[in-house]
Structures are given as C-alpha cells and as structure tokens.
Amino acid sequence: MTATNNAPDQPDQPTDDRWQHILDRITALERRIHELNATTITALDTHLARLEALRHDLAHHPWPPDPATHPAPRRTPLNPGREPELTSA
C-alpha cells in the first residue's frame, strides 16, 4: 500500500525476478566459501605434514645431533660469485 492512497503497491517486476539477484549472490558466496575452505584445508594439511616430519626427526634422532653423523649445513655467501670487499683501516 502506498502512502498517498489505499491502492496496493504494484511491483515493477514479478516476485521471483526481484529476488533472483540476491539468490545468485548467495550462490556465488557459497561457492567462494567452499573454495576458500578447500584451499585452507590443503594449506593446513601441508603444515601438519611438515610438523609431523619434524616430530618424527626429533623423536628418532639423538639430540643434540652428533657432528660426525649430521654435519652442519654449509653456509652460502650472500653474493655468490663475488669476492668480499676488503676495507682498509
């Protein structure tokens, strides 16, 4: 009913069409939520697998590591292929 008379309001579009854009947005949001959930679960699975590997290493290898069986990693220079600059005092 309008504010100026007692006649019922006449919609410009049929009822189904008025709400279709909202239903389409809800469907798109649901799809995006499912995609984000799948991506998040994959990332969590990857991190959990890394943690499990670390846990396994810590549980089955001596601590601290024996340098004879577990040598320290090699350090790589900051600028490979370039000689360090010598400064004179």
C-alpha atoms as a PDB file:
ATOM      1  CA  MET A   1       0.000   0.000   0.000  1.00  0.00           C
ATOM      2  CA  THR A   2       1.379   3.415  -0.876  1.00  0.00           C
ATOM      3  CA  ALA A   3       1.462   6.377   1.468  1.00  0.00           C
ATOM      4  CA  THR A   4      -0.734   8.534  -0.813  1.00  0.00           C
ATOM      5  CA  ASN A   5      -3.743   6.272  -1.306  1.00  0.00           C
ATOM      6  CA  ASN A   6      -5.240   2.942  -0.310  1.00  0.00           C
ATOM      7  CA  ALA A   7      -4.300   1.156  -3.537  1.00  0.00           C
ATOM      8  CA  PRO A   8      -1.938  -1.845  -3.142  1.00  0.00           C
ATOM      9  CA  ASP A   9       1.606  -1.443  -4.404  1.00  0.00           C
ATOM     10  CA  GLN A  10       2.285  -2.905  -7.816  1.00  0.00           C
ATOM     11  CA  PRO A  11       5.807  -4.369  -8.116  1.00  0.00           C
ATOM     12  CA  ASP A  12       7.789  -3.400 -11.173  1.00  0.00           C
ATOM     13  CA  GLN A  13       8.980  -6.987 -11.575  1.00  0.00           C
ATOM     14  CA  PRO A  14       7.470 -10.336 -10.728  1.00  0.00           C
ATOM     15  CA  THR A  15       8.363 -11.562  -7.224  1.00  0.00           C
ATOM     16  CA  ASP A  16      10.724 -14.271  -8.487  1.00  0.00           C
ATOM     17  CA  ASP A  17      12.764 -11.788 -10.525  1.00  0.00           C
ATOM     18  CA  ARG A  18      13.041  -9.301  -7.670  1.00  0.00           C
ATOM     19  CA  TRP A  19      14.955 -11.787  -5.509  1.00  0.00           C
ATOM     20  CA  GLN A  20      16.914 -13.628  -8.190  1.00  0.00           C
ATOM     21  CA  HIS A  21      19.963 -11.345  -7.962  1.00  0.00           C
ATOM     22  CA  ILE A  22      20.101 -11.940  -4.190  1.00  0.00           C
ATOM     23  CA  LEU A  23      19.883 -15.705  -4.690  1.00  0.00           C
ATOM     24  CA  ASP A  24      22.629 -15.509  -7.313  1.00  0.00           C
ATOM     25  CA  ARG A  25      24.883 -13.601  -4.892  1.00  0.00           C
ATOM     26  CA  ILE A  26      24.232 -16.148  -2.140  1.00  0.00           C
ATOM     27  CA  THR A  27      25.142 -18.974  -4.516  1.00  0.00           C
ATOM     28  CA  ALA A  28      28.350 -17.170  -5.520  1.00  0.00           C
ATOM     29  CA  LEU A  29      29.250 -16.619  -1.854  1.00  0.00           C
ATOM     30  CA  GLU A  30      28.648 -20.294  -1.051  1.00  0.00           C
ATOM     31  CA  ARG A  31      30.914 -21.319  -3.931  1.00  0.00           C
ATOM     32  CA  ARG A  32      33.649 -18.915  -2.766  1.00  0.00           C
ATOM     33  CA  ILE A  33      33.397 -20.225   0.810  1.00  0.00           C
ATOM     34  CA  HIS A  34      33.836 -23.801  -0.424  1.00  0.00           C
ATOM     35  CA  GLU A  35      36.879 -22.773  -2.486  1.00  0.00           C
ATOM     36  CA  LEU A  36      38.465 -20.969   0.459  1.00  0.00           C
ATOM     37  CA  ASN A  37      37.760 -23.924   2.744  1.00  0.00           C
ATOM     38  CA  ALA A  38      39.453 -26.307   0.320  1.00  0.00           C
ATOM     39  CA  THR A  39      42.479 -24.021  -0.001  1.00  0.00           C
ATOM     40  CA  THR A  40      42.729 -23.601   3.765  1.00  0.00           C
ATOM     41  CA  ILE A  41      42.454 -27.335   4.414  1.00  0.00           C
ATOM     42  CA  THR A  42      45.182 -28.024   1.850  1.00  0.00           C
ATOM     43  CA  ALA A  43      47.500 -25.474   3.472  1.00  0.00           C
ATOM     44  CA  LEU A  44      46.812 -26.896   6.938  1.00  0.00           C
ATOM     45  CA  ASP A  45      47.485 -30.432   5.713  1.00  0.00           C
ATOM     46  CA  THR A  46      50.816 -29.303   4.290  1.00  0.00           C
ATOM     47  CA  HIS A  47      51.853 -27.615   7.535  1.00  0.00           C
ATOM     48  CA  LEU A  48      50.711 -30.565   9.627  1.00  0.00           C
ATOM     49  CA  ALA A  49      52.745 -32.931   7.446  1.00  0.00           C
ATOM     50  CA  ARG A  50      55.850 -30.760   7.979  1.00  0.00           C
ATOM     51  CA  LEU A  51      55.235 -30.723  11.725  1.00  0.00           C
ATOM     52  CA  GLU A  52      54.817 -34.491  11.748  1.00  0.00           C
ATOM     53  CA  ALA A  53      58.112 -34.899   9.876  1.00  0.00           C
ATOM     54  CA  LEU A  54      59.857 -32.642  12.390  1.00  0.00           C
ATOM     55  CA  ARG A  55      58.294 -34.549  15.279  1.00  0.00           C
ATOM     56  CA  HIS A  56      59.481 -37.817  13.777  1.00  0.00           C
ATOM     57  CA  ASP A  57      63.018 -36.476  13.357  1.00  0.00           C
ATOM     58  CA  LEU A  58      63.127 -35.220  16.922  1.00  0.00           C
ATOM     59  CA  ALA A  59      61.750 -38.492  18.283  1.00  0.00           C
ATOM     60  CA  HIS A  60      64.104 -40.767  16.323  1.00  0.00           C
ATOM     61  CA  HIS A  61      67.382 -38.847  16.154  1.00  0.00           C
ATOM     62  CA  PRO A  62      69.682 -38.022  19.050  1.00  0.00           C
ATOM     63  CA  TRP A  63      69.704 -34.524  20.422  1.00  0.00           C
ATOM     64  CA  PRO A  64      71.902 -32.600  20.072  1.00  0.00           C
ATOM     65  CA  PRO A  65      72.908 -34.005  16.705  1.00  0.00           C
ATOM     66  CA  ASP A  66      76.263 -35.764  16.520  1.00  0.00           C
ATOM     67  CA  PRO A  67      78.503 -33.658  14.217  1.00  0.00           C
ATOM     68  CA  ALA A  68      80.080 -36.825  12.796  1.00  0.00           C
ATOM     69  CA  THR A  69      76.742 -38.179  11.534  1.00  0.00           C
ATOM     70  CA  HIS A  70      74.932 -34.890  10.976  1.00  0.00           C
ATOM     71  CA  PRO A  71      77.390 -32.275   9.682  1.00  0.00           C
ATOM     72  CA  ALA A  72      76.406 -28.642   9.947  1.00  0.00           C
ATOM     73  CA  PRO A  73      74.873 -27.206   6.788  1.00  0.00           C
ATOM     74  CA  ARG A  74      77.217 -25.278   4.514  1.00  0.00           C
ATOM     75  CA  ARG A  75      76.817 -21.569   4.600  1.00  0.00           C
ATOM     76  CA  THR A  76      76.476 -19.930   1.230  1.00  0.00           C
ATOM     77  CA  PRO A  77      77.898 -16.469   0.637  1.00  0.00           C
ATOM     78  CA  LEU A  78      75.474 -13.586   0.441  1.00  0.00           C
ATOM     79  CA  ASN A  79      76.676 -12.701  -3.059  1.00  0.00           C
ATOM     80  CA  PRO A  80      77.814 -15.922  -4.750  1.00  0.00           C
ATOM     81  CA  GLY A  81      80.489 -15.444  -7.384  1.00  0.00           C
ATOM     82  CA  ARG A  82      81.570 -12.117  -5.969  1.00  0.00           C
ATOM     83  CA  GLU A  83      84.609 -11.646  -3.792  1.00  0.00           C
ATOM     84  CA  PRO A  84      84.045  -9.952  -0.448  1.00  0.00           C
ATOM     85  CA  GLU A  85      85.204  -6.377  -0.377  1.00  0.00           C
ATOM     86  CA  LEU A  86      88.159  -5.653   1.886  1.00  0.00           C
ATOM     87  CA  THR A  87      88.168  -2.403   3.721  1.00  0.00           C
ATOM     88  CA  SER A  88      91.379  -0.725   4.812  1.00  0.00           C
ATOM     89  CA  ALA A  89      91.617   0.848   8.216  1.00  0.00           C
END
